[in-house]
Every structure is written in C-alpha cells, then in structure tokens.
Amino acid sequence: MSTGAGGARPQSAADRTRAARAGEAIAADLRAVLPSWLVARALVGVGYVLALWVAQRYFATGQPPQLHEGLLVWDGNYYRDIATVGYGALPVGALRFFPLYPLLARALDVVLLGHVNLALLLISNGCALA
C-alpha cells in the first residue's frame, strides 16, 4: 500500500466523516455547557468583588487574610506551594495532595512567565469546562 507525503496514509472518506462528526459533537457539547460555565464564573467574580466591598466597608481592622489570597485559599495554598517549592519544603500534611495539578501548573507557569496563581486558575477553569 502506498503512503502519502511524509509516510502518512491518506485519509479515507469514512475517516473524514468520522472526524467531522466528532468535531460537531464537541461543538454541540460546548454550546450546551459554555453559557452556564460563563455564568458560574461571572457569579464567582461578582461574589468576590462583593466580599471585598463588604470587608472594606464593615471590618474596621481591614480585610480578612482569606480575601488577600483570592481564589487560592485553603487547598489552593497547598497546590500553589507544591507547584513552586515542591513537597520537600512543606509539612507532611501536604502529601495528601496529588502531584498532577501542581506539575501542570509548574509547566504552564513557564509559559505564563512565573504566574503560578494564574496557571492554577486556568487549569482549574479549563478542567471545569471539560
């Protein structure tokens, strides 16, 4: 059997049809999910801005420390620390967090020029959309 340029087999009509159907299915899934995903992200943003406003207006001592962390409080701190310094510099309790998420953040961090927080948020939101 002959191969096309570069040694790759030419696609058959059935392969092209199957690929087109897969693309249409993905597009249909995105059309179904994307509106609610965007609304959820907008609500999180509005909630965060509202929390900042309430804290600024009604707390005499200033903002609670959690508001300074933004969307990376609680477990997010561990994931950020694992992504930046690894498990060795953290307490033993950090071992309960699996390494894939921080490793992906560390890889994306290189592309984002050192913005590991943004990398973590992009990965989380991308996975939520998938």
C-alpha atoms as a PDB file:
ATOM      1  CA  MET A   1       0.000   0.000   0.000  1.00  0.00           C
ATOM      2  CA  SER A   2       1.401   3.377  -0.911  1.00  0.00           C
ATOM      3  CA  THR A   3       1.605   6.187   1.562  1.00  0.00           C
ATOM      4  CA  GLY A   4       1.233   9.887   1.063  1.00  0.00           C
ATOM      5  CA  ALA A   5       3.864  12.553   1.632  1.00  0.00           C
ATOM      6  CA  GLY A   6       5.888  12.030   4.754  1.00  0.00           C
ATOM      7  CA  GLY A   7       4.818   8.398   5.102  1.00  0.00           C
ATOM      8  CA  ALA A   8       1.307   9.175   6.354  1.00  0.00           C
ATOM      9  CA  ARG A   9      -1.644   7.280   4.955  1.00  0.00           C
ATOM     10  CA  PRO A  10      -4.169   9.395   3.101  1.00  0.00           C
ATOM     11  CA  GLN A  11      -7.448   9.778   4.956  1.00  0.00           C
ATOM     12  CA  SER A  12     -10.408   7.873   3.626  1.00  0.00           C
ATOM     13  CA  ALA A  13     -13.841   9.448   3.228  1.00  0.00           C
ATOM     14  CA  ALA A  14     -15.041   7.445   6.252  1.00  0.00           C
ATOM     15  CA  ASP A  15     -12.202   8.863   8.388  1.00  0.00           C
ATOM     16  CA  ARG A  16     -13.053  12.402   7.331  1.00  0.00           C
ATOM     17  CA  THR A  17     -16.744  11.815   8.073  1.00  0.00           C
ATOM     18  CA  ARG A  18     -15.926  10.372  11.494  1.00  0.00           C
ATOM     19  CA  ALA A  19     -13.678  13.361  12.287  1.00  0.00           C
ATOM     20  CA  ALA A  20     -16.363  15.811  11.148  1.00  0.00           C
ATOM     21  CA  ARG A  21     -18.970  14.102  13.357  1.00  0.00           C
ATOM     22  CA  ALA A  22     -16.604  14.210  16.326  1.00  0.00           C
ATOM     23  CA  GLY A  23     -15.997  17.916  15.748  1.00  0.00           C
ATOM     24  CA  GLU A  24     -19.741  18.567  15.501  1.00  0.00           C
ATOM     25  CA  ALA A  25     -20.328  16.636  18.742  1.00  0.00           C
ATOM     26  CA  ILE A  26     -17.679  18.670  20.572  1.00  0.00           C
ATOM     27  CA  ALA A  27     -19.146  21.919  19.238  1.00  0.00           C
ATOM     28  CA  ALA A  28     -22.637  20.863  20.348  1.00  0.00           C
ATOM     29  CA  ASP A  29     -21.328  19.973  23.807  1.00  0.00           C
ATOM     30  CA  LEU A  30     -19.603  23.348  24.111  1.00  0.00           C
ATOM     31  CA  ARG A  31     -22.759  25.173  23.038  1.00  0.00           C
ATOM     32  CA  ALA A  32     -24.653  23.320  25.772  1.00  0.00           C
ATOM     33  CA  VAL A  33     -22.119  23.841  28.556  1.00  0.00           C
ATOM     34  CA  LEU A  34     -20.451  27.172  27.834  1.00  0.00           C
ATOM     35  CA  PRO A  35     -23.321  29.517  28.834  1.00  0.00           C
ATOM     36  CA  SER A  36     -23.728  28.030  32.316  1.00  0.00           C
ATOM     37  CA  TRP A  37     -19.940  27.834  32.748  1.00  0.00           C
ATOM     38  CA  LEU A  38     -19.611  31.534  31.906  1.00  0.00           C
ATOM     39  CA  VAL A  39     -22.473  32.451  34.261  1.00  0.00           C
ATOM     40  CA  ALA A  40     -20.836  30.472  37.072  1.00  0.00           C
ATOM     41  CA  ARG A  41     -17.518  32.237  36.530  1.00  0.00           C
ATOM     42  CA  ALA A  42     -19.254  35.629  36.439  1.00  0.00           C
ATOM     43  CA  LEU A  43     -21.080  34.826  39.700  1.00  0.00           C
ATOM     44  CA  VAL A  44     -17.795  33.878  41.374  1.00  0.00           C
ATOM     45  CA  GLY A  45     -16.303  37.192  40.232  1.00  0.00           C
ATOM     46  CA  VAL A  46     -19.298  39.174  41.460  1.00  0.00           C
ATOM     47  CA  GLY A  47     -19.236  37.310  44.776  1.00  0.00           C
ATOM     48  CA  TYR A  48     -15.546  38.062  45.236  1.00  0.00           C
ATOM     49  CA  VAL A  49     -15.996  41.762  44.468  1.00  0.00           C
ATOM     50  CA  LEU A  50     -18.970  41.875  46.841  1.00  0.00           C
ATOM     51  CA  ALA A  51     -16.926  40.197  49.588  1.00  0.00           C
ATOM     52  CA  LEU A  52     -14.158  42.767  49.098  1.00  0.00           C
ATOM     53  CA  TRP A  53     -16.673  45.600  49.323  1.00  0.00           C
ATOM     54  CA  VAL A  54     -18.328  44.209  52.478  1.00  0.00           C
ATOM     55  CA  ALA A  55     -14.964  43.629  54.146  1.00  0.00           C
ATOM     56  CA  GLN A  56     -13.759  47.116  53.292  1.00  0.00           C
ATOM     57  CA  ARG A  57     -16.943  48.759  54.466  1.00  0.00           C
ATOM     58  CA  TYR A  58     -17.778  46.799  57.610  1.00  0.00           C
ATOM     59  CA  PHE A  59     -14.494  45.460  59.006  1.00  0.00           C
ATOM     60  CA  ALA A  60     -12.630  48.092  60.974  1.00  0.00           C
ATOM     61  CA  THR A  61      -9.462  46.003  61.073  1.00  0.00           C
ATOM     62  CA  GLY A  62      -9.269  45.656  57.294  1.00  0.00           C
ATOM     63  CA  GLN A  63      -9.776  42.665  55.079  1.00  0.00           C
ATOM     64  CA  PRO A  64      -9.638  39.114  56.393  1.00  0.00           C
ATOM     65  CA  PRO A  65      -6.497  37.292  55.194  1.00  0.00           C
ATOM     66  CA  GLN A  66      -8.567  34.952  53.024  1.00  0.00           C
ATOM     67  CA  LEU A  67      -9.585  37.828  50.783  1.00  0.00           C
ATOM     68  CA  HIS A  68      -5.940  38.635  50.069  1.00  0.00           C
ATOM     69  CA  GLU A  69      -5.483  35.069  48.812  1.00  0.00           C
ATOM     70  CA  GLY A  70      -8.288  35.496  46.284  1.00  0.00           C
ATOM     71  CA  LEU A  71      -9.377  32.215  44.764  1.00  0.00           C
ATOM     72  CA  LEU A  72      -6.428  30.268  46.171  1.00  0.00           C
ATOM     73  CA  VAL A  73      -7.400  29.864  49.820  1.00  0.00           C
ATOM     74  CA  TRP A  74      -7.373  26.624  51.777  1.00  0.00           C
ATOM     75  CA  ASP A  75      -6.273  23.786  49.458  1.00  0.00           C
ATOM     76  CA  GLY A  76      -5.205  26.264  46.792  1.00  0.00           C
ATOM     77  CA  ASN A  77      -2.373  27.411  49.043  1.00  0.00           C
ATOM     78  CA  TYR A  78      -1.024  23.870  49.227  1.00  0.00           C
ATOM     79  CA  TYR A  79      -1.245  23.389  45.469  1.00  0.00           C
ATOM     80  CA  ARG A  80       0.493  26.712  44.840  1.00  0.00           C
ATOM     81  CA  ASP A  81       3.247  25.877  47.329  1.00  0.00           C
ATOM     82  CA  ILE A  82       3.724  22.396  45.846  1.00  0.00           C
ATOM     83  CA  ALA A  83       3.945  23.926  42.372  1.00  0.00           C
ATOM     84  CA  THR A  84       6.522  26.493  43.441  1.00  0.00           C
ATOM     85  CA  VAL A  85       8.728  24.716  46.011  1.00  0.00           C
ATOM     86  CA  GLY A  86       7.738  21.044  45.849  1.00  0.00           C
ATOM     87  CA  TYR A  87       6.783  18.699  48.653  1.00  0.00           C
ATOM     88  CA  GLY A  88      10.144  18.834  50.455  1.00  0.00           C
ATOM     89  CA  ALA A  89       9.654  22.321  51.901  1.00  0.00           C
ATOM     90  CA  LEU A  90       6.101  21.660  53.128  1.00  0.00           C
ATOM     91  CA  PRO A  91       4.688  19.904  56.184  1.00  0.00           C
ATOM     92  CA  VAL A  92       3.890  16.195  55.991  1.00  0.00           C
ATOM     93  CA  GLY A  93       0.197  17.063  55.592  1.00  0.00           C
ATOM     94  CA  ALA A  94       0.914  18.287  52.064  1.00  0.00           C
ATOM     95  CA  LEU A  95       1.465  14.700  50.952  1.00  0.00           C
ATOM     96  CA  ARG A  96      -2.302  14.213  50.741  1.00  0.00           C
ATOM     97  CA  PHE A  97      -2.368  16.416  47.625  1.00  0.00           C
ATOM     98  CA  PHE A  98      -1.718  14.549  44.385  1.00  0.00           C
ATOM     99  CA  PRO A  99       1.086  15.936  42.208  1.00  0.00           C
ATOM    100  CA  LEU A 100      -0.543  16.172  38.761  1.00  0.00           C
ATOM    101  CA  TYR A 101      -2.286  19.507  39.282  1.00  0.00           C
ATOM    102  CA  PRO A 102       0.829  21.268  40.687  1.00  0.00           C
ATOM    103  CA  LEU A 103       3.016  19.706  37.975  1.00  0.00           C
ATOM    104  CA  LEU A 104       0.694  21.004  35.254  1.00  0.00           C
ATOM    105  CA  ALA A 105       0.739  24.412  36.945  1.00  0.00           C
ATOM    106  CA  ARG A 106       4.526  24.389  37.059  1.00  0.00           C
ATOM    107  CA  ALA A 107       4.678  23.598  33.332  1.00  0.00           C
ATOM    108  CA  LEU A 108       2.138  26.292  32.455  1.00  0.00           C
ATOM    109  CA  ASP A 109       3.924  28.674  34.812  1.00  0.00           C
ATOM    110  CA  VAL A 110       6.892  28.670  32.423  1.00  0.00           C
ATOM    111  CA  VAL A 111       4.637  29.787  29.566  1.00  0.00           C
ATOM    112  CA  LEU A 112       2.981  32.433  31.765  1.00  0.00           C
ATOM    113  CA  LEU A 113       6.353  33.860  32.852  1.00  0.00           C
ATOM    114  CA  GLY A 114       6.139  32.980  36.533  1.00  0.00           C
ATOM    115  CA  HIS A 115       2.450  33.487  37.241  1.00  0.00           C
ATOM    116  CA  VAL A 116       1.727  30.212  39.044  1.00  0.00           C
ATOM    117  CA  ASN A 117      -1.544  31.534  40.534  1.00  0.00           C
ATOM    118  CA  LEU A 118      -2.852  32.272  37.059  1.00  0.00           C
ATOM    119  CA  ALA A 119      -1.685  28.857  35.866  1.00  0.00           C
ATOM    120  CA  LEU A 120      -3.614  27.136  38.665  1.00  0.00           C
ATOM    121  CA  LEU A 121      -6.762  29.119  37.900  1.00  0.00           C
ATOM    122  CA  LEU A 122      -6.531  28.443  34.156  1.00  0.00           C
ATOM    123  CA  ILE A 123      -6.097  24.710  34.710  1.00  0.00           C
ATOM    124  CA  SER A 124      -8.991  24.573  37.178  1.00  0.00           C
ATOM    125  CA  ASN A 125     -11.313  26.502  34.904  1.00  0.00           C
ATOM    126  CA  GLY A 126     -10.278  24.511  31.845  1.00  0.00           C
ATOM    127  CA  CYS A 127     -10.958  21.250  33.659  1.00  0.00           C
ATOM    128  CA  ALA A 128     -14.316  22.577  34.876  1.00  0.00           C
ATOM    129  CA  LEU A 129     -15.244  23.323  31.273  1.00  0.00           C
ATOM    130  CA  ALA A 130     -14.126  19.910  30.036  1.00  0.00           C
END
